[in-house]
Amino acid sequence: MNKCPECSHDLVNVIYGFPTPKLVDIARAEGIALGGCNFGPDMPTHYCYGCQESFPKIEGPAIYEELPPIFSE
């Protein structure tokens, strides 16, 4: 398992998407971190419960392709 570069605590994987009840239980036991339903290529992949930091750290604003609107006005 990887160690946090900030505090040397164990890092856990960040899981994206709607979680199942089993994933929620694993997250409560600090076996994984839930990242939410929105994700992109520059989102964190690991989380430290020791210092509550996400890795890799994103220094600048996220860059996403502009998507067309779903509904036309």
N, C-alpha and C. Protein backbone atom coordinates (compact mmCIF):
# COMPACT_ATOMS: atom_id res chain seq x y z
N MET A 1 0.84 -1.18 0.00
CA MET A 1 0.00 0.00 0.00
C MET A 1 0.89 1.25 0.00
N ASN A 2 0.46 2.27 -0.71
CA ASN A 2 1.22 3.51 -0.78
C ASN A 2 1.06 4.32 0.50
N LYS A 3 2.08 5.07 0.84
CA LYS A 3 2.06 5.94 2.01
C LYS A 3 1.90 7.39 1.58
N CYS A 4 1.23 8.17 2.41
CA CYS A 4 1.02 9.59 2.15
C CYS A 4 2.35 10.33 2.22
N PRO A 5 2.65 11.18 1.22
CA PRO A 5 3.90 11.95 1.26
C PRO A 5 3.86 13.06 2.32
N GLU A 6 2.67 13.41 2.81
CA GLU A 6 2.54 14.47 3.81
C GLU A 6 2.68 13.95 5.24
N CYS A 7 2.03 12.80 5.55
CA CYS A 7 2.00 12.33 6.94
C CYS A 7 2.37 10.86 7.11
N SER A 8 2.66 10.15 6.03
CA SER A 8 3.06 8.73 6.04
C SER A 8 1.93 7.77 6.41
N HIS A 9 0.69 8.24 6.44
CA HIS A 9 -0.47 7.39 6.67
C HIS A 9 -0.74 6.61 5.37
N ASP A 10 -1.45 5.49 5.45
CA ASP A 10 -1.78 4.72 4.25
C ASP A 10 -2.73 5.51 3.34
N LEU A 11 -2.48 5.46 2.03
CA LEU A 11 -3.39 6.05 1.06
C LEU A 11 -4.40 5.01 0.62
N VAL A 12 -5.62 5.47 0.33
CA VAL A 12 -6.66 4.58 -0.19
C VAL A 12 -7.08 5.07 -1.57
N ASN A 13 -7.63 4.17 -2.37
CA ASN A 13 -8.12 4.53 -3.69
C ASN A 13 -9.38 5.37 -3.59
N VAL A 14 -9.53 6.33 -4.51
CA VAL A 14 -10.76 7.10 -4.62
C VAL A 14 -11.63 6.41 -5.67
N ILE A 15 -12.87 6.10 -5.31
CA ILE A 15 -13.81 5.44 -6.20
C ILE A 15 -14.87 6.45 -6.62
N TYR A 16 -15.08 6.57 -7.92
CA TYR A 16 -16.07 7.50 -8.46
C TYR A 16 -17.30 6.75 -8.95
N GLY A 17 -18.43 7.44 -8.98
CA GLY A 17 -19.69 6.85 -9.42
C GLY A 17 -20.62 6.68 -8.23
N PHE A 18 -21.85 6.27 -8.52
CA PHE A 18 -22.83 6.07 -7.46
C PHE A 18 -22.45 4.82 -6.67
N PRO A 19 -22.23 4.95 -5.35
CA PRO A 19 -21.72 3.80 -4.59
C PRO A 19 -22.82 2.80 -4.23
N THR A 20 -22.42 1.56 -4.17
CA THR A 20 -23.30 0.51 -3.67
C THR A 20 -23.26 0.53 -2.15
N PRO A 21 -24.21 -0.10 -1.49
CA PRO A 21 -24.16 -0.16 -0.02
C PRO A 21 -22.85 -0.76 0.50
N LYS A 22 -22.32 -1.74 -0.21
CA LYS A 22 -21.05 -2.35 0.22
C LYS A 22 -19.90 -1.35 0.13
N LEU A 23 -19.87 -0.53 -0.93
CA LEU A 23 -18.82 0.49 -1.05
C LEU A 23 -18.94 1.54 0.05
N VAL A 24 -20.16 1.88 0.43
CA VAL A 24 -20.36 2.84 1.52
C VAL A 24 -19.79 2.27 2.82
N ASP A 25 -20.04 0.99 3.07
CA ASP A 25 -19.50 0.34 4.28
C ASP A 25 -17.98 0.33 4.26
N ILE A 26 -17.38 0.05 3.12
CA ILE A 26 -15.92 0.03 3.01
C ILE A 26 -15.35 1.43 3.23
N ALA A 27 -16.03 2.45 2.70
CA ALA A 27 -15.57 3.82 2.89
C ALA A 27 -15.68 4.22 4.37
N ARG A 28 -16.74 3.81 5.04
CA ARG A 28 -16.88 4.12 6.47
C ARG A 28 -15.76 3.49 7.29
N ALA A 29 -15.26 2.35 6.83
CA ALA A 29 -14.15 1.68 7.50
C ALA A 29 -12.80 2.21 7.01
N GLU A 30 -12.82 3.27 6.20
CA GLU A 30 -11.62 3.91 5.64
C GLU A 30 -10.81 2.98 4.76
N GLY A 31 -11.48 2.07 4.04
CA GLY A 31 -10.81 1.19 3.10
C GLY A 31 -10.72 1.79 1.71
N ILE A 32 -11.62 2.71 1.40
CA ILE A 32 -11.62 3.47 0.15
C ILE A 32 -12.14 4.87 0.47
N ALA A 33 -12.07 5.77 -0.50
CA ALA A 33 -12.69 7.09 -0.38
C ALA A 33 -13.67 7.24 -1.53
N LEU A 34 -14.83 7.80 -1.25
CA LEU A 34 -15.83 8.02 -2.29
C LEU A 34 -15.60 9.40 -2.90
N GLY A 35 -15.48 9.44 -4.22
CA GLY A 35 -15.17 10.69 -4.91
C GLY A 35 -16.35 11.40 -5.51
N GLY A 36 -17.53 10.83 -5.45
CA GLY A 36 -18.70 11.45 -6.02
C GLY A 36 -19.02 10.90 -7.40
N CYS A 37 -20.08 11.43 -7.98
CA CYS A 37 -20.55 10.93 -9.27
C CYS A 37 -19.91 11.63 -10.46
N ASN A 38 -19.39 12.83 -10.27
CA ASN A 38 -18.73 13.54 -11.36
C ASN A 38 -17.24 13.27 -11.31
N PHE A 39 -16.67 12.94 -12.45
CA PHE A 39 -15.23 12.69 -12.47
C PHE A 39 -14.66 13.08 -13.83
N GLY A 40 -13.37 13.29 -13.85
CA GLY A 40 -12.68 13.66 -15.07
C GLY A 40 -11.24 13.20 -15.01
N PRO A 41 -10.49 13.49 -16.05
CA PRO A 41 -9.11 12.98 -16.12
C PRO A 41 -8.16 13.61 -15.10
N ASP A 42 -8.52 14.75 -14.53
CA ASP A 42 -7.62 15.41 -13.58
C ASP A 42 -8.09 15.29 -12.13
N MET A 43 -8.92 14.31 -11.85
CA MET A 43 -9.43 14.12 -10.49
C MET A 43 -8.46 13.27 -9.68
N PRO A 44 -8.46 13.43 -8.35
CA PRO A 44 -7.57 12.64 -7.50
C PRO A 44 -7.84 11.14 -7.60
N THR A 45 -6.80 10.36 -7.45
CA THR A 45 -6.93 8.91 -7.49
C THR A 45 -6.72 8.27 -6.12
N HIS A 46 -6.12 9.01 -5.18
CA HIS A 46 -5.83 8.49 -3.85
C HIS A 46 -6.20 9.52 -2.80
N TYR A 47 -6.51 9.03 -1.59
CA TYR A 47 -6.90 9.91 -0.49
C TYR A 47 -6.24 9.43 0.80
N CYS A 48 -5.88 10.41 1.64
CA CYS A 48 -5.29 10.10 2.94
C CYS A 48 -6.27 10.49 4.04
N TYR A 49 -6.70 9.52 4.84
CA TYR A 49 -7.58 9.81 5.97
C TYR A 49 -6.79 10.42 7.13
N GLY A 50 -5.46 10.28 7.13
CA GLY A 50 -4.65 10.85 8.20
C GLY A 50 -4.62 12.37 8.18
N CYS A 51 -4.37 12.95 7.00
CA CYS A 51 -4.29 14.41 6.89
C CYS A 51 -5.40 14.99 6.00
N GLN A 52 -6.28 14.13 5.50
CA GLN A 52 -7.41 14.51 4.66
C GLN A 52 -6.99 15.24 3.37
N GLU A 53 -5.92 14.76 2.76
CA GLU A 53 -5.44 15.30 1.49
C GLU A 53 -5.72 14.30 0.38
N SER A 54 -5.99 14.82 -0.82
CA SER A 54 -6.19 13.99 -2.00
C SER A 54 -4.96 14.07 -2.88
N PHE A 55 -4.67 12.98 -3.58
CA PHE A 55 -3.49 12.93 -4.45
C PHE A 55 -3.86 12.31 -5.78
N PRO A 56 -3.27 12.70 -6.89
CA PRO A 56 -2.31 13.79 -6.96
C PRO A 56 -3.02 15.12 -6.73
N LYS A 57 -2.27 16.07 -6.18
CA LYS A 57 -2.83 17.39 -5.92
C LYS A 57 -2.96 18.14 -7.24
N ILE A 58 -4.06 18.82 -7.40
CA ILE A 58 -4.31 19.62 -8.60
C ILE A 58 -4.06 21.07 -8.21
N GLU A 59 -3.06 21.69 -8.81
CA GLU A 59 -2.68 23.05 -8.44
C GLU A 59 -3.57 24.11 -9.08
N GLY A 60 -3.93 23.91 -10.34
CA GLY A 60 -4.72 24.92 -11.05
C GLY A 60 -6.17 24.50 -11.17
N PRO A 61 -6.97 25.33 -11.82
CA PRO A 61 -8.37 24.96 -12.03
C PRO A 61 -8.48 23.78 -12.99
N ALA A 62 -9.53 23.01 -12.82
CA ALA A 62 -9.75 21.87 -13.71
C ALA A 62 -10.08 22.35 -15.11
N ILE A 63 -9.61 21.62 -16.10
CA ILE A 63 -9.87 21.98 -17.49
C ILE A 63 -10.74 20.88 -18.10
N TYR A 64 -11.91 21.26 -18.54
CA TYR A 64 -12.83 20.31 -19.16
C TYR A 64 -13.22 20.83 -20.54
N GLU A 65 -13.49 19.92 -21.43
CA GLU A 65 -14.00 20.33 -22.73
C GLU A 65 -15.40 20.92 -22.55
N GLU A 66 -15.69 21.94 -23.32
CA GLU A 66 -17.02 22.54 -23.23
C GLU A 66 -18.02 21.60 -23.88
N LEU A 67 -19.07 21.28 -23.16
CA LEU A 67 -20.09 20.37 -23.65
C LEU A 67 -21.28 21.16 -24.17
N PRO A 68 -21.92 20.68 -25.21
CA PRO A 68 -23.12 21.37 -25.70
C PRO A 68 -24.25 21.23 -24.70
N PRO A 69 -25.18 22.18 -24.66
CA PRO A 69 -26.29 22.07 -23.72
C PRO A 69 -27.18 20.88 -24.05
N ILE A 70 -27.75 20.28 -23.03
CA ILE A 70 -28.61 19.12 -23.21
C ILE A 70 -29.96 19.54 -23.79
N PHE A 71 -30.48 20.64 -23.29
CA PHE A 71 -31.79 21.13 -23.72
C PHE A 71 -31.59 22.44 -24.50
N SER A 72 -32.30 22.58 -25.60
CA SER A 72 -32.22 23.83 -26.34
C SER A 72 -33.33 24.76 -25.84
N GLU A 73 -33.06 26.04 -25.92
CA GLU A 73 -34.05 27.01 -25.41
C GLU A 73 -34.94 27.48 -26.52
